[in-house]
Amino acid sequence: MRRALRAEWTKLRTEGGIGWLMLGIIATTVAVSAGVASNSRCSELGCGGDATRLSLTGVMVGQVVVAIVAVLTMGNEYNTGMIRTTVTAMPRRSTVLAAKATVLTGVMFVAGSVSVLASVLAGRILLPGQGFNTEHGYAALSLTDGPTLRAAVGSVLYLVLIALLGLGIATTVRSSATAIGIVLALLFIFPILTRVVSDPDWQRHLEQIAPMTAGLAVQTTIGVGELPIGPWQGLGVPALWAVAALLGGGLLFRSRDV
């Protein structure tokens, strides 16, 4: 396993463009979060805005880059034919996939942590000037606050899970373009369907099974009781999607020629 981990880490860090995409995750997440924070307003006491969630809005955009990086981790090997060399050097395909997942998890955890911490810092600096201050009933954002810490940690874990989902789907379909399309469809089609469906019960069910809607519930710190699914239970939804994708991809990876 150690040899497989070293090989996957070498491939990931030397892959052309991956380094820029990793920086793109951080830059995109922080820039969008800062932009939303600087354009939000709270003009009266108890205005109802969720300051923590506003400061983490960029995660919704950053996940797109996360999905692309994850898909390319496996997809590039199929695109270039490198996958034949990989499985020749390491015949135990389950070990190859486990090593890819482990390396991807570590890298995304670091990138996600930097992105989330910088986003919370941006919110702490910018939101008070937009009315999210003690005068209107808001304390400065701090990770010593339980709900804010849960939202921050949960956001990092969410990005890791989206990466693993992308890896599983790329392993299944063996095409970067197709895998990226499928991942983005899974993330964004459910919110669209929720707006189209008029029945409240169906809307609630769709929100409970949607990987993005349910997963990002972990960011909510105000009105948690009104959510269609609890914060940590919601994070379990993209976890189930990721496990299913990895298991399905892993089974096909082991049974196919390459």
Protein backbone atom coordinates (compact mmCIF):
# COMPACT_ATOMS: atom_id res chain seq x y z
CA MET A 1 0.00 0.00 0.00
CA ARG A 2 2.87 2.39 0.81
CA ARG A 3 4.28 1.98 -2.69
CA ALA A 4 0.86 2.66 -4.20
CA LEU A 5 0.40 5.78 -2.09
CA ARG A 6 3.81 7.10 -3.11
CA ALA A 7 3.04 6.43 -6.78
CA GLU A 8 -0.36 8.15 -6.65
CA TRP A 9 1.05 11.15 -4.81
CA THR A 10 3.81 11.47 -7.42
CA LYS A 11 1.31 11.28 -10.27
CA LEU A 12 -1.01 13.84 -8.71
CA ARG A 13 1.62 16.45 -7.91
CA THR A 14 3.35 16.12 -11.29
CA GLU A 15 0.17 16.12 -13.38
CA GLY A 16 0.09 19.20 -15.59
CA GLY A 17 -2.54 21.71 -14.54
CA ILE A 18 -3.56 19.98 -11.30
CA GLY A 19 -1.55 22.41 -9.17
CA TRP A 20 -3.31 25.37 -10.76
CA LEU A 21 -6.67 23.72 -10.24
CA MET A 22 -5.86 23.21 -6.56
CA LEU A 23 -5.07 26.91 -6.26
CA GLY A 24 -8.30 27.53 -8.16
CA ILE A 25 -10.28 25.71 -5.46
CA ILE A 26 -8.93 28.04 -2.80
CA ALA A 27 -9.12 31.23 -4.87
CA THR A 28 -12.65 30.55 -6.15
CA THR A 29 -14.05 29.56 -2.77
CA VAL A 30 -12.57 32.52 -0.93
CA ALA A 31 -13.34 35.07 -3.66
CA VAL A 32 -17.01 34.07 -3.89
CA SER A 33 -17.38 33.96 -0.11
CA ALA A 34 -15.79 37.39 0.27
CA GLY A 35 -17.94 38.78 -2.55
CA VAL A 36 -21.15 37.53 -0.96
CA ALA A 37 -20.10 38.80 2.48
CA SER A 38 -19.27 42.26 1.14
CA ASN A 39 -22.62 42.51 -0.66
CA SER A 40 -24.88 41.19 2.12
CA ARG A 41 -26.87 43.56 4.31
CA CYS A 42 -28.38 43.41 7.79
CA SER A 43 -30.10 46.71 8.50
CA GLU A 44 -32.04 45.89 11.66
CA LEU A 45 -31.98 43.83 14.83
CA GLY A 46 -32.63 40.16 14.11
CA CYS A 47 -32.60 40.54 10.32
CA GLY A 48 -32.55 36.76 10.03
CA GLY A 49 -29.43 36.31 7.95
CA ASP A 50 -27.12 33.37 8.67
CA ALA A 51 -23.72 35.08 8.87
CA THR A 52 -21.80 31.80 8.99
CA ARG A 53 -23.51 30.36 5.94
CA LEU A 54 -23.04 33.61 4.03
CA SER A 55 -19.31 33.48 4.72
CA LEU A 56 -19.16 29.93 3.36
CA THR A 57 -21.16 30.51 0.17
CA GLY A 58 -18.03 30.02 -1.91
CA VAL A 59 -18.00 26.31 -1.07
CA MET A 60 -20.92 25.88 -3.48
CA VAL A 61 -18.78 27.21 -6.33
CA GLY A 62 -15.48 25.73 -5.16
CA GLN A 63 -16.96 22.24 -5.23
CA VAL A 64 -17.11 22.44 -9.03
CA VAL A 65 -13.31 22.74 -9.21
CA VAL A 66 -13.00 20.00 -6.57
CA ALA A 67 -15.09 17.68 -8.74
CA ILE A 68 -12.94 18.45 -11.80
CA VAL A 69 -9.68 17.71 -9.95
CA ALA A 70 -11.11 14.46 -8.56
CA VAL A 71 -12.33 13.27 -11.95
CA LEU A 72 -9.00 14.06 -13.61
CA THR A 73 -7.20 12.00 -10.95
CA MET A 74 -8.59 8.88 -12.61
CA GLY A 75 -9.87 10.21 -15.92
CA ASN A 76 -6.48 11.42 -17.14
CA GLU A 77 -5.08 7.92 -16.81
CA TYR A 78 -7.78 6.58 -19.10
CA ASN A 79 -7.43 9.50 -21.50
CA THR A 80 -3.67 8.94 -21.90
CA GLY A 81 -3.66 5.15 -21.60
CA MET A 82 -1.49 5.41 -18.47
CA ILE A 83 -3.98 3.21 -16.65
CA ARG A 84 -2.50 0.11 -18.37
CA THR A 85 0.92 0.94 -16.96
CA THR A 86 -0.60 1.55 -13.53
CA VAL A 87 -2.39 -1.80 -13.31
CA THR A 88 0.64 -3.61 -14.73
CA ALA A 89 2.88 -2.15 -12.04
CA MET A 90 0.25 -2.67 -9.33
CA PRO A 91 -2.00 -5.62 -10.25
CA ARG A 92 -4.15 -5.29 -7.11
CA ARG A 93 -6.66 -2.83 -8.47
CA SER A 94 -8.46 -2.35 -5.18
CA THR A 95 -5.16 -1.11 -3.77
CA VAL A 96 -4.77 1.32 -6.67
CA LEU A 97 -8.22 2.80 -6.13
CA ALA A 98 -7.75 2.92 -2.35
CA ALA A 99 -4.44 4.73 -2.80
CA LYS A 100 -6.02 7.26 -5.17
CA ALA A 101 -8.86 7.85 -2.72
CA THR A 102 -6.47 8.26 0.20
CA VAL A 103 -4.19 10.74 -1.58
CA LEU A 104 -7.17 12.66 -2.95
CA THR A 105 -8.72 12.82 0.52
CA GLY A 106 -5.54 14.23 2.05
CA VAL A 107 -5.02 16.83 -0.66
CA MET A 108 -8.64 17.96 -0.65
CA PHE A 109 -8.69 18.12 3.12
CA VAL A 110 -5.77 20.56 3.05
CA ALA A 111 -7.20 22.63 0.18
CA GLY A 112 -10.65 22.60 1.76
CA SER A 113 -9.32 23.62 5.17
CA VAL A 114 -7.42 26.58 3.72
CA SER A 115 -10.44 27.62 1.66
CA VAL A 116 -12.90 27.39 4.55
CA LEU A 117 -10.65 29.08 7.11
CA ALA A 118 -9.93 31.95 4.72
CA SER A 119 -13.65 32.28 3.94
CA VAL A 120 -14.57 32.45 7.63
CA LEU A 121 -11.83 35.03 8.16
CA ALA A 122 -13.18 37.08 5.25
CA GLY A 123 -16.65 36.90 6.78
CA ARG A 124 -15.33 37.92 10.18
CA ILE A 125 -13.69 40.99 8.61
CA LEU A 126 -16.37 42.01 6.11
CA LEU A 127 -19.74 41.10 7.62
CA PRO A 128 -19.68 43.49 10.62
CA GLY A 129 -19.41 46.39 8.20
CA GLN A 130 -22.56 45.16 6.43
CA GLY A 131 -24.66 45.22 9.60
CA PHE A 132 -23.89 41.75 10.96
CA ASN A 133 -22.60 43.20 14.23
CA THR A 134 -23.39 43.28 17.92
CA GLU A 135 -25.79 46.16 17.37
CA HIS A 136 -27.98 43.86 15.31
CA GLY A 137 -27.45 40.81 17.50
CA TYR A 138 -24.49 39.20 15.74
CA ALA A 139 -21.18 38.32 17.33
CA ALA A 140 -18.05 38.26 15.18
CA LEU A 141 -17.55 34.91 13.47
CA SER A 142 -15.31 32.65 15.52
CA LEU A 143 -14.44 28.98 15.41
CA THR A 144 -14.81 28.90 19.18
CA ASP A 145 -18.56 29.14 18.54
CA GLY A 146 -19.98 25.62 18.30
CA PRO A 147 -22.33 26.08 15.31
CA THR A 148 -19.70 28.02 13.36
CA LEU A 149 -17.08 25.35 14.04
CA ARG A 150 -19.54 22.65 12.94
CA ALA A 151 -20.27 24.59 9.74
CA ALA A 152 -16.57 25.04 8.99
CA VAL A 153 -15.54 21.44 9.70
CA GLY A 154 -18.60 20.15 7.87
CA SER A 155 -17.78 22.26 4.81
CA VAL A 156 -14.28 20.80 4.63
CA LEU A 157 -15.65 17.27 4.92
CA TYR A 158 -18.27 18.07 2.29
CA LEU A 159 -15.58 19.07 -0.22
CA VAL A 160 -13.69 15.84 0.50
CA LEU A 161 -16.85 13.81 -0.10
CA ILE A 162 -17.53 15.56 -3.41
CA ALA A 163 -13.97 14.68 -4.44
CA LEU A 164 -14.53 11.00 -3.60
CA LEU A 165 -17.83 11.07 -5.47
CA GLY A 166 -16.02 12.41 -8.53
CA LEU A 167 -13.32 9.76 -8.25
CA GLY A 168 -15.90 6.98 -8.03
CA ILE A 169 -17.85 8.21 -11.04
CA ALA A 170 -14.69 8.71 -13.11
CA THR A 171 -13.65 5.13 -12.30
CA THR A 172 -17.08 3.92 -13.40
CA VAL A 173 -17.41 5.73 -16.73
CA ARG A 174 -13.68 5.98 -17.67
CA SER A 175 -14.15 9.37 -19.34
CA SER A 176 -13.25 12.73 -17.79
CA ALA A 177 -15.80 14.75 -19.74
CA THR A 178 -18.64 12.31 -19.06
CA ALA A 179 -17.75 11.99 -15.38
CA ILE A 180 -17.61 15.76 -14.87
CA GLY A 181 -21.02 16.09 -16.52
CA ILE A 182 -22.51 13.39 -14.29
CA VAL A 183 -21.09 14.85 -11.07
CA LEU A 184 -22.29 18.36 -11.85
CA ALA A 185 -25.70 17.01 -12.83
CA LEU A 186 -25.99 15.17 -9.51
CA LEU A 187 -25.05 18.32 -7.64
CA PHE A 188 -27.27 20.81 -9.43
CA ILE A 189 -30.20 18.90 -10.93
CA PHE A 190 -31.88 18.28 -7.57
CA PRO A 191 -32.11 21.99 -6.62
CA ILE A 192 -33.62 22.65 -10.06
CA LEU A 193 -36.16 19.86 -9.61
CA THR A 194 -37.03 21.22 -6.18
CA ARG A 195 -37.99 24.53 -7.77
CA VAL A 196 -40.00 22.80 -10.50
CA VAL A 197 -41.95 20.44 -8.23
CA SER A 198 -44.85 22.18 -6.51
CA ASP A 199 -45.71 19.52 -3.92
CA PRO A 200 -44.09 20.47 -0.56
CA ASP A 201 -43.63 16.85 0.49
CA TRP A 202 -41.78 15.98 -2.74
CA GLN A 203 -39.69 19.12 -2.39
CA ARG A 204 -38.68 18.04 1.09
CA HIS A 205 -37.83 14.50 -0.07
CA LEU A 206 -35.72 15.81 -2.94
CA GLU A 207 -33.83 18.08 -0.56
CA GLN A 208 -33.21 15.14 1.75
CA ILE A 209 -31.60 12.97 -0.95
CA ALA A 210 -29.79 15.69 -2.91
CA PRO A 211 -26.02 15.48 -2.29
CA MET A 212 -25.51 19.25 -2.42
CA THR A 213 -28.68 20.49 -0.70
CA ALA A 214 -28.48 17.93 2.08
CA GLY A 215 -24.70 18.14 2.43
CA LEU A 216 -24.57 21.92 2.71
CA ALA A 217 -27.19 21.86 5.46
CA VAL A 218 -24.17 21.44 7.73
CA GLN A 219 -23.41 25.13 7.15
CA THR A 220 -26.68 26.31 8.67
CA THR A 221 -26.48 27.91 12.12
CA ILE A 222 -29.85 29.70 12.27
CA GLY A 223 -33.22 27.94 12.02
CA VAL A 224 -31.69 24.48 12.08
CA GLY A 225 -35.00 22.98 13.22
CA GLU A 226 -36.66 24.12 10.00
CA LEU A 227 -34.25 22.23 7.74
CA PRO A 228 -35.58 19.20 5.82
CA ILE A 229 -32.64 17.23 7.25
CA GLY A 230 -30.29 17.84 10.18
CA PRO A 231 -26.78 19.22 9.60
CA TRP A 232 -24.80 16.06 10.35
CA GLN A 233 -27.48 13.76 8.89
CA GLY A 234 -27.37 15.90 5.78
CA LEU A 235 -23.62 15.45 5.49
CA GLY A 236 -24.25 11.72 5.55
CA VAL A 237 -26.13 12.00 2.25
CA PRO A 238 -23.14 12.95 0.05
CA ALA A 239 -21.16 10.38 2.06
CA LEU A 240 -23.59 7.67 0.92
CA TRP A 241 -23.42 8.91 -2.66
CA ALA A 242 -19.61 8.84 -2.50
CA VAL A 243 -19.49 5.33 -1.01
CA ALA A 244 -21.92 4.04 -3.64
CA ALA A 245 -19.88 5.60 -6.46
CA LEU A 246 -16.60 4.20 -5.13
CA LEU A 247 -18.02 0.73 -4.56
CA GLY A 248 -19.60 0.64 -8.01
CA GLY A 249 -16.49 2.02 -9.65
CA GLY A 250 -14.26 -0.34 -7.69
CA LEU A 251 -16.25 -3.42 -8.73
CA LEU A 252 -16.14 -2.42 -12.39
CA PHE A 253 -12.44 -1.52 -12.11
CA ARG A 254 -11.65 -5.02 -10.85
CA SER A 255 -13.83 -6.85 -13.39
CA ARG A 256 -12.84 -5.00 -16.59
CA ASP A 257 -9.67 -5.44 -18.61
CA VAL A 258 -8.59 -1.89 -17.67
